[in-house]
Amino acid sequence: MKLIRAMFSRQWMLATILVLAGGALCVRLGIWQLDRLEQRRAFNLHYTAMQSAAPLDLNAETPQVLTDMEYRSARAIGTYDFANQVALRNQYHGSEYGYHLLTPLLLDDGPAVLVDRGWIPADGNDSPEGWSRYDEAGQVQVRGMMRLGPDKPDVGGIPDPTLTPGQARLEFWNFANLERISQQLPYPVLTIYIQPDVDAADVTAPIPYQPEIELTEGPHFGYALQWFAYASILVLGYPFYVRRQIKEKL
């Protein structure tokens, strides 16, 4: 009891508050890392399940909740609508800067689906007139991975403007925000877009892209243990430090 009273005396009050606050912060950061771990595990399970699922034929079936099927393989047959395609900025192929072409694929029945046809170099493609060299005439078959468009940019990213009635269409976008892009299309589109399967031998633009997914749990558990250890050192070690300081002054 004497030690506790000393810790909350006028001499040690500020230090005690700082130690308790620091310990609470470390515990909270440890819990946050455990939450990140659970999110990572849930993502790994979802990705594995979607990768093992049979490809979804978008011409034959269009489930209402496509947003729950990100990373599942899908196939579709249709005709590209090049008049309404857009480009995504800040895309790289290796170290070379460029864009990704996001093109509506008109299905025979039902809504259209946007297809990220892949990377094109920035040189000579700063306006839609240059994109015509990548047109594919006639009916095409697309097979690839279903993806969700981000609804907000990453930290530091610049959001795309919200379209208003009568506003001119945007040719270049920062993100594949499907909800906003669909506002400038004359027909409904699915809530996912397709990233076609990658062929390593395909070096002709547009070059398809799919992300490389690491199915690991990451460092989150180790970070959580570190934060809990810091909290223990602060909260448990502080009383011993105070006792030692008091004894040295006697």
Foldseek 3Di string as FASTA:
>chain_A
DVLVCLCCDPVNNVVSVVLVVLLVVLLVLLVVLVVLLVVLLVVLVQLVVQDPDDAAEPLVDDDPPCVSNFFHKYKYKAAWDLVLKAWAAADDDVNAGFTWIWIWGDGPDDFTATERQATDGHVQPPDSVSVVVVHDDDMDMFMATKHAKDPADDVPDDADDADDPPDDQHRYGNTPHVVRSQVPDPTDYDRIHGQGDADPVDPDPRGTDDDDDDSDSPCSNVSSVVSNVSSCCSPVVVSVVSVVVVVVVD
